[in-house]
C-alpha cells in the first residue's frame, strides 16, 4: 500500500493517519494527567508534608494526629473543571471559614509517602510503581492545592413519613427509618435480594420491601449496607447492568443518574471521590461526591453512569443551606465485595 506521493511527500491518507495517531497520543497524555490527580492525593496524604501543612493551616489536634485517616476528597472544580484539589473536612476545625493553601511537596517526600501507602495497603505488585512516577510528574505539571474546612452537618437521606420502599420491621423509634432499595442482585450462594442502607434498616432482622416481606441476611457497617432476601421477588427493569465501576475513578464532570423515593429520577454530576479510589481494601470507607441533589428518603438509591455502571449508593448529604453542600455515595464496588454480590 502506497502512503507516499510521487514527490516523496506523505500523501493525504498518510497525513490523516499521522494526525489521528498524534490525537490519540495527546488524548492518552491528557487522560494520564487527569488520572494522576488521584495517586498524587494519596501520596501527599501519606507524606510528612500533609500533617505539617494541616498544622500550619490551624487544623485541630484530632486531624493532625490522625492525618492519614482524616475525611478527605479529591474534588474537581473551577470554570471548565480544570482543577483537582484536596478537600479536608476537620470536625473540630476552629474557623467557620475554610482555609486554602498551595501544595508543593518534593519528589522525595512523595516517594516516601507512596512507600508508606503501599506497605499499609499491601500493594506489592510491581505495576503499582507506575503510580508513583505519574503522581510525581503530576505534582510538577499542574498546580495543586488543599482546602481545609469544618465538616458540615450531616443529613442522612431518609425520612420518617410515607411512601416507604424499604421499611425495617421493628418496634420503637427505629421503625421510622427507611431507605430506597438499591439494586436486585444475588450473592455467592445464589440468594436473590436487594441492597439497602444499613443506617435506615438498623438492627432489624426483617423488613418490608414494596409490601413484600424480607429477611436481612448480611450487613456491613463500613459500607453502610445490608442485603435483604425476598421470597420469589420480581426482577424489575433496572439500570446498572454493567455492574459496579471497577479499577478506575469516576469521570468528571460526568452526568450520572439515580432514582430515589424522595427525588424521583434525577440527573446529577460527579464532583469528587475518596483519595483511596479505585482501590477497594478492607476497613476503608470509599465515597463519591456529587452535587447536593439527594433528599431525605433517597438513602440506598443506586447512582448509575452513562455506561450503565454502578457508581455508588446514597449515603447522606450535607445540611440544607450548609456552607458546603454536596451528596455522598458509598462506592458501589465496595458494597458488592462486602456481600459477595453479582448482577442478575
Protein backbone atom coordinates (compact mmCIF):
# COMPACT_ATOMS: atom_id res chain seq x y z
CA UNK A 1 0.00 0.00 0.00
CA UNK A 2 1.49 3.37 -1.06
CA UNK A 3 1.45 6.02 1.68
CA UNK A 4 3.61 8.48 -0.30
CA UNK A 5 3.01 10.56 -3.44
CA UNK A 6 5.41 10.64 -6.37
CA UNK A 7 7.46 13.50 -4.84
CA UNK A 8 8.29 11.59 -1.68
CA UNK A 9 5.84 13.63 0.40
CA UNK A 10 3.32 11.81 2.62
CA UNK A 11 0.01 11.64 0.80
CA UNK A 12 -3.25 12.86 2.35
CA UNK A 13 -4.10 9.41 3.70
CA UNK A 14 -0.75 9.14 5.50
CA UNK A 15 -1.03 12.68 6.84
CA UNK A 16 -4.51 11.94 8.18
CA UNK A 17 -3.22 8.74 9.82
CA UNK A 18 -0.41 10.68 11.48
CA UNK A 19 -2.88 13.29 12.75
CA UNK A 20 -5.03 10.51 14.21
CA UNK A 21 -2.03 8.94 15.95
CA UNK A 22 -0.98 12.33 17.31
CA UNK A 23 -4.53 12.99 18.56
CA UNK A 24 -4.64 9.60 20.29
CA UNK A 25 -1.28 10.23 21.96
CA UNK A 26 -2.43 13.64 23.18
CA UNK A 27 -5.66 12.11 24.45
CA UNK A 28 -3.71 9.42 26.33
CA UNK A 29 -1.40 12.03 27.84
CA UNK A 30 -4.38 14.16 28.92
CA UNK A 31 -6.14 11.15 30.42
CA UNK A 32 -2.93 10.15 32.22
CA UNK A 33 -2.60 13.68 33.62
CA UNK A 34 -6.19 13.73 34.86
CA UNK A 35 -5.95 10.30 36.44
CA UNK A 36 -2.68 11.29 38.11
CA UNK A 37 -4.59 13.58 40.48
CA UNK A 38 -5.83 10.53 42.37
CA UNK A 39 -2.45 8.88 43.18
CA UNK A 40 -0.92 12.30 43.89
CA UNK A 41 -3.57 12.97 46.53
CA UNK A 42 -2.96 9.59 48.14
CA UNK A 43 0.84 10.03 48.13
CA UNK A 44 0.58 13.51 49.58
CA UNK A 45 -1.70 12.36 52.44
CA UNK A 46 0.81 9.63 53.33
CA UNK A 47 3.77 12.03 53.23
CA UNK A 48 5.08 14.06 56.16
CA UNK A 49 4.15 17.25 54.30
CA UNK A 50 0.46 16.60 54.91
CA UNK A 51 0.34 16.79 58.75
CA UNK A 52 2.83 19.69 58.63
CA UNK A 53 0.53 21.61 56.31
CA UNK A 54 -2.51 20.81 58.49
CA UNK A 55 -0.63 22.21 61.47
CA UNK A 56 0.28 25.44 59.65
CA UNK A 57 -3.32 25.85 58.45
CA UNK A 58 -4.65 25.69 62.00
CA UNK A 59 -6.26 22.23 61.84
CA UNK A 60 -7.36 20.58 65.07
CA UNK A 61 -5.18 18.24 67.11
CA UNK A 62 -7.55 15.42 66.13
CA UNK A 63 -6.98 15.97 62.40
CA UNK A 64 -3.21 16.38 62.73
CA UNK A 65 -2.72 13.30 64.91
CA UNK A 66 -4.90 11.15 62.63
CA UNK A 67 -3.80 12.74 59.36
CA UNK A 68 -3.98 9.61 57.21
CA UNK A 69 -7.48 8.77 58.49
CA UNK A 70 -8.94 12.27 58.17
CA UNK A 71 -12.00 12.64 55.91
CA UNK A 72 -10.69 13.93 52.58
CA UNK A 73 -11.85 14.07 48.97
CA UNK A 74 -10.26 14.82 45.63
CA UNK A 75 -12.59 17.42 44.14
CA UNK A 76 -12.81 18.69 40.58
CA UNK A 77 -13.86 22.32 40.33
CA UNK A 78 -13.40 25.67 38.62
CA UNK A 79 -14.54 27.12 35.28
CA UNK A 80 -14.36 24.24 32.83
CA UNK A 81 -13.50 21.85 35.72
CA UNK A 82 -9.71 22.29 35.27
CA UNK A 83 -8.53 21.75 38.86
CA UNK A 84 -8.30 18.70 41.09
CA UNK A 85 -7.68 19.72 44.69
CA UNK A 86 -7.80 18.00 48.05
CA UNK A 87 -10.62 18.98 50.42
CA UNK A 88 -10.07 18.02 54.08
CA UNK A 89 -13.05 18.06 56.45
CA UNK A 90 -11.97 18.61 60.04
CA UNK A 91 -14.81 18.04 62.57
CA UNK A 92 -13.04 20.27 65.13
CA UNK A 93 -11.72 22.95 62.78
CA UNK A 94 -11.80 26.19 64.82
CA UNK A 95 -12.84 28.51 61.99
CA UNK A 96 -16.19 28.69 60.20
CA UNK A 97 -14.34 29.83 57.08
CA UNK A 98 -12.26 27.36 55.04
CA UNK A 99 -8.51 27.81 54.61
CA UNK A 100 -6.82 27.20 51.26
CA UNK A 101 -3.11 26.62 50.67
CA UNK A 102 -0.93 25.54 47.73
CA UNK A 103 0.76 22.16 47.88
CA UNK A 104 4.35 21.72 46.73
CA UNK A 105 5.96 18.58 48.20
CA UNK A 106 9.22 17.43 46.66
CA UNK A 107 9.70 14.14 44.84
CA UNK A 108 11.49 12.52 47.79
CA UNK A 109 8.58 13.24 50.14
CA UNK A 110 6.10 11.79 47.64
CA UNK A 111 8.23 8.67 47.18
CA UNK A 112 8.31 8.09 50.95
CA UNK A 113 4.57 8.68 51.11
CA UNK A 114 3.99 6.15 48.34
CA UNK A 115 6.08 3.51 50.09
CA UNK A 116 4.10 4.03 53.32
CA UNK A 117 0.83 3.77 51.40
CA UNK A 118 1.91 0.62 49.52
CA UNK A 119 3.11 -1.05 52.72
CA UNK A 120 -0.07 -0.31 54.68
CA UNK A 121 -2.37 -1.31 51.79
CA UNK A 122 -0.28 -4.34 50.80
CA UNK A 123 0.07 -3.17 47.20
CA UNK A 124 3.03 -5.37 46.31
CA UNK A 125 2.59 -5.84 42.56
CA UNK A 126 5.38 -4.12 40.54
CA UNK A 127 2.79 -2.37 38.31
CA UNK A 128 1.86 -0.11 41.21
CA UNK A 129 5.26 1.58 40.90
CA UNK A 130 3.92 3.40 37.83
CA UNK A 131 1.52 5.41 40.00
CA UNK A 132 4.45 6.85 41.93
CA UNK A 133 6.12 8.26 38.82
CA UNK A 134 2.80 9.51 37.42
CA UNK A 135 1.97 11.31 40.67
CA UNK A 136 5.40 12.94 40.91
CA UNK A 137 5.12 14.04 37.28
CA UNK A 138 1.67 15.50 38.00
CA UNK A 139 2.90 17.46 41.01
CA UNK A 140 5.20 19.41 38.69
CA UNK A 141 2.83 19.65 35.73
CA UNK A 142 -0.22 21.27 37.32
CA UNK A 143 -0.99 23.47 40.33
CA UNK A 144 -2.40 21.58 43.28
CA UNK A 145 -3.97 22.87 46.46
CA UNK A 146 -5.60 21.84 49.70
CA UNK A 147 -8.74 23.27 51.28
CA UNK A 148 -9.37 22.65 55.00
CA UNK A 149 -12.87 23.28 56.29
CA UNK A 150 -15.10 22.43 59.19
CA UNK A 151 -17.14 19.32 58.47
CA UNK A 152 -20.73 20.36 57.63
CA UNK A 153 -23.79 18.97 59.35
CA UNK A 154 -24.78 15.55 58.02
CA UNK A 155 -28.34 14.71 57.00
CA UNK A 156 -28.93 11.03 56.25
CA UNK A 157 -31.09 10.75 53.16
CA UNK A 158 -34.04 9.02 54.81
CA UNK A 159 -37.46 10.15 56.02
CA UNK A 160 -39.99 9.17 58.73
CA UNK A 161 -43.04 9.63 56.51
CA UNK A 162 -44.55 7.55 53.65
CA UNK A 163 -44.24 6.34 51.00
CA UNK A 164 -41.76 3.67 52.17
CA UNK A 165 -39.85 1.41 49.89
CA UNK A 166 -37.70 -0.41 52.44
CA UNK A 167 -39.12 -0.42 55.97
CA UNK A 168 -37.48 -2.28 58.88
CA UNK A 169 -39.92 -4.47 60.82
CA UNK A 170 -39.07 -3.45 64.39
CA UNK A 171 -40.74 -1.61 67.22
CA UNK A 172 -39.59 1.65 68.75
CA UNK A 173 -38.15 4.81 67.13
CA UNK A 174 -36.08 2.94 64.56
CA UNK A 175 -39.28 1.68 62.95
CA UNK A 176 -39.47 5.03 61.15
CA UNK A 177 -36.08 4.59 59.47
CA UNK A 178 -36.49 3.89 55.78
CA UNK A 179 -34.44 3.83 52.61
CA UNK A 180 -34.68 3.39 48.87
CA UNK A 181 -33.89 -0.06 47.51
CA UNK A 182 -30.63 -0.02 45.59
CA UNK A 183 -30.43 -2.96 43.20
CA UNK A 184 -31.64 -6.53 42.88
CA UNK A 185 -28.62 -8.85 42.90
CA UNK A 186 -27.50 -12.30 44.01
CA UNK A 187 -24.80 -13.31 46.45
CA UNK A 188 -22.18 -16.05 46.21
CA UNK A 189 -24.60 -18.77 47.35
CA UNK A 190 -27.35 -17.72 44.94
CA UNK A 191 -29.66 -15.76 47.24
CA UNK A 192 -31.59 -13.12 45.29
CA UNK A 193 -32.06 -9.97 47.36
CA UNK A 194 -31.97 -6.18 47.35
CA UNK A 195 -29.44 -3.76 48.78
CA UNK A 196 -30.49 -1.12 51.29
CA UNK A 197 -28.89 1.48 53.57
CA UNK A 198 -27.87 0.00 56.90
CA UNK A 199 -28.34 3.27 58.79
CA UNK A 200 -32.04 3.08 57.82
CA UNK A 201 -32.61 -0.62 58.49
CA UNK A 202 -30.61 -0.58 61.72
CA UNK A 203 -30.69 -3.72 63.87
CA UNK A 204 -33.87 -5.08 62.29
CA UNK A 205 -33.73 -8.66 61.02
CA UNK A 206 -36.89 -8.26 58.92
CA UNK A 207 -38.00 -5.55 56.51
CA UNK A 208 -40.84 -4.83 54.11
CA UNK A 209 -39.93 -4.00 50.53
CA UNK A 210 -42.85 -2.77 48.43
CA UNK A 211 -45.28 -4.87 50.51
CA UNK A 212 -43.02 -7.94 50.24
CA UNK A 213 -41.58 -9.45 53.42
CA UNK A 214 -37.82 -9.71 53.50
CA UNK A 215 -35.08 -11.06 55.74
CA UNK A 216 -31.80 -9.25 56.33
CA UNK A 217 -29.16 -11.88 55.52
CA UNK A 218 -25.98 -9.78 55.64
CA UNK A 219 -24.84 -6.42 56.94
CA UNK A 220 -21.68 -4.34 56.59
CA UNK A 221 -21.20 -1.24 58.72
CA UNK A 222 -18.22 0.15 56.79
CA UNK A 223 -20.20 0.34 53.55
CA UNK A 224 -23.45 1.27 55.35
CA UNK A 225 -25.21 -1.55 53.50
CA UNK A 226 -27.33 -4.61 54.06
CA UNK A 227 -28.73 -7.34 51.83
CA UNK A 228 -32.42 -8.19 52.20
CA UNK A 229 -33.62 -11.53 50.81
CA UNK A 230 -37.13 -11.70 49.33
CA UNK A 231 -39.16 -14.81 48.55
CA UNK A 232 -39.60 -15.14 44.76
CA UNK A 233 -39.05 -11.44 44.09
CA UNK A 234 -39.94 -9.97 40.71
CA UNK A 235 -36.93 -8.87 38.69
CA UNK A 236 -37.78 -5.30 37.72
CA UNK A 237 -36.43 -3.42 34.76
CA UNK A 238 -33.41 -1.65 36.15
CA UNK A 239 -30.15 0.09 35.31
CA UNK A 240 -26.64 -0.74 36.40
CA UNK A 241 -26.47 -3.97 34.44
CA UNK A 242 -22.83 -3.20 33.65
CA UNK A 243 -22.06 -3.96 37.30
CA UNK A 244 -20.02 -1.76 39.62
CA UNK A 245 -17.39 0.51 38.15
CA UNK A 246 -14.01 -1.05 38.94
CA UNK A 247 -10.34 -0.21 38.51
CA UNK A 248 -10.91 3.46 37.59
CA UNK A 249 -12.24 6.56 39.29
CA UNK A 250 -15.46 8.17 38.03
CA UNK A 251 -15.17 10.61 35.15
CA UNK A 252 -15.68 14.30 35.89
CA UNK A 253 -17.76 16.24 35.28
CA UNK A 254 -19.81 13.20 34.23
CA UNK A 255 -23.58 13.28 34.40
CA UNK A 256 -24.96 10.37 36.42
CA UNK A 257 -28.49 9.38 37.42
CA UNK A 258 -30.37 7.93 40.37
CA UNK A 259 -33.97 7.21 41.28
CA UNK A 260 -34.84 7.92 44.91
CA UNK A 261 -38.12 7.76 46.78
CA UNK A 262 -37.97 11.47 47.58
CA UNK A 263 -36.24 12.87 44.50
CA UNK A 264 -37.57 10.57 41.77
CA UNK A 265 -35.48 10.16 38.64
CA UNK A 266 -32.67 12.72 38.95
CA UNK A 267 -29.55 13.65 37.00
CA UNK A 268 -26.55 14.99 38.89
CA UNK A 269 -22.81 15.46 38.40
CA UNK A 270 -19.80 13.72 39.99
CA UNK A 271 -17.57 16.31 41.70
CA UNK A 272 -15.09 14.25 43.77
CA UNK A 273 -14.12 11.00 45.47
CA UNK A 274 -12.05 9.45 48.25
CA UNK A 275 -8.27 9.56 47.61
CA UNK A 276 -8.03 5.75 48.02
CA UNK A 277 -10.15 5.09 44.95
CA UNK A 278 -10.13 2.94 42.90
CA UNK A 279 -8.51 0.52 45.39
CA UNK A 280 -11.11 -1.43 47.38
CA UNK A 281 -9.35 -2.56 50.53
CA UNK A 282 -10.53 -3.86 53.92
CA UNK A 283 -11.65 -1.34 56.55
CA UNK A 284 -11.66 1.58 54.08
CA UNK A 285 -14.90 3.51 53.55
CA UNK A 286 -14.76 4.71 49.96
CA UNK A 287 -17.07 7.51 48.88
CA UNK A 288 -18.04 9.57 45.83
CA UNK A 289 -19.31 13.15 45.88
CA UNK A 290 -21.95 14.72 43.66
CA UNK A 291 -23.85 17.96 43.72
CA UNK A 292 -26.34 18.15 46.61
CA UNK A 293 -29.25 16.59 44.70
CA UNK A 294 -30.38 13.90 47.17
CA UNK A 295 -33.14 14.39 49.72
CA UNK A 296 -34.40 12.62 52.85
CA UNK A 297 -35.78 9.29 51.64
CA UNK A 298 -33.12 8.60 48.97
CA UNK A 299 -30.67 6.59 51.12
CA UNK A 300 -29.61 3.40 49.36
CA UNK A 301 -30.53 4.61 45.86
CA UNK A 302 -28.12 3.46 43.15
CA UNK A 303 -26.01 6.02 41.25
CA UNK A 304 -25.50 4.95 37.62
CA UNK A 305 -23.18 6.39 34.97
CA UNK A 306 -23.70 6.83 31.23
CA UNK A 307 -22.14 3.40 30.55
CA UNK A 308 -24.72 1.69 32.81
CA UNK A 309 -22.16 1.03 35.53
CA UNK A 310 -23.00 1.39 39.22
CA UNK A 311 -21.02 4.22 40.82
CA UNK A 312 -22.39 4.22 44.35
CA UNK A 313 -25.30 4.05 46.80
CA UNK A 314 -26.76 7.11 48.50
CA UNK A 315 -25.33 7.63 52.00
CA UNK A 316 -26.00 11.17 53.19
CA UNK A 317 -25.96 14.80 52.17
CA UNK A 318 -24.78 17.89 53.99
CA UNK A 319 -27.35 20.08 55.71
CA UNK A 320 -29.59 22.27 53.60
CA UNK A 321 -28.02 25.72 53.37
CA UNK A 322 -24.67 24.49 54.76
CA UNK A 323 -21.55 26.45 53.66
CA UNK A 324 -20.52 23.38 51.66
CA UNK A 325 -23.40 21.42 50.12
CA UNK A 326 -22.84 18.03 48.50
CA UNK A 327 -24.25 14.50 48.42
CA UNK A 328 -22.18 11.48 49.47
CA UNK A 329 -22.37 7.99 47.96
CA UNK A 330 -20.75 4.74 49.10
CA UNK A 331 -18.56 3.28 46.32
CA UNK A 332 -20.63 0.51 44.70
CA UNK A 333 -17.77 -1.97 44.20
CA UNK A 334 -17.07 -1.98 47.94
CA UNK A 335 -20.72 -2.91 48.64
CA UNK A 336 -20.53 -5.75 46.09
CA UNK A 337 -17.35 -7.09 47.69
CA UNK A 338 -18.70 -6.78 51.24
CA UNK A 339 -21.69 -9.01 50.43
CA UNK A 340 -20.20 -11.15 47.62
CA UNK A 341 -22.69 -9.82 45.05
CA UNK A 342 -23.08 -10.08 41.30
CA UNK A 343 -25.63 -8.53 38.97
CA UNK A 344 -28.53 -10.62 37.68
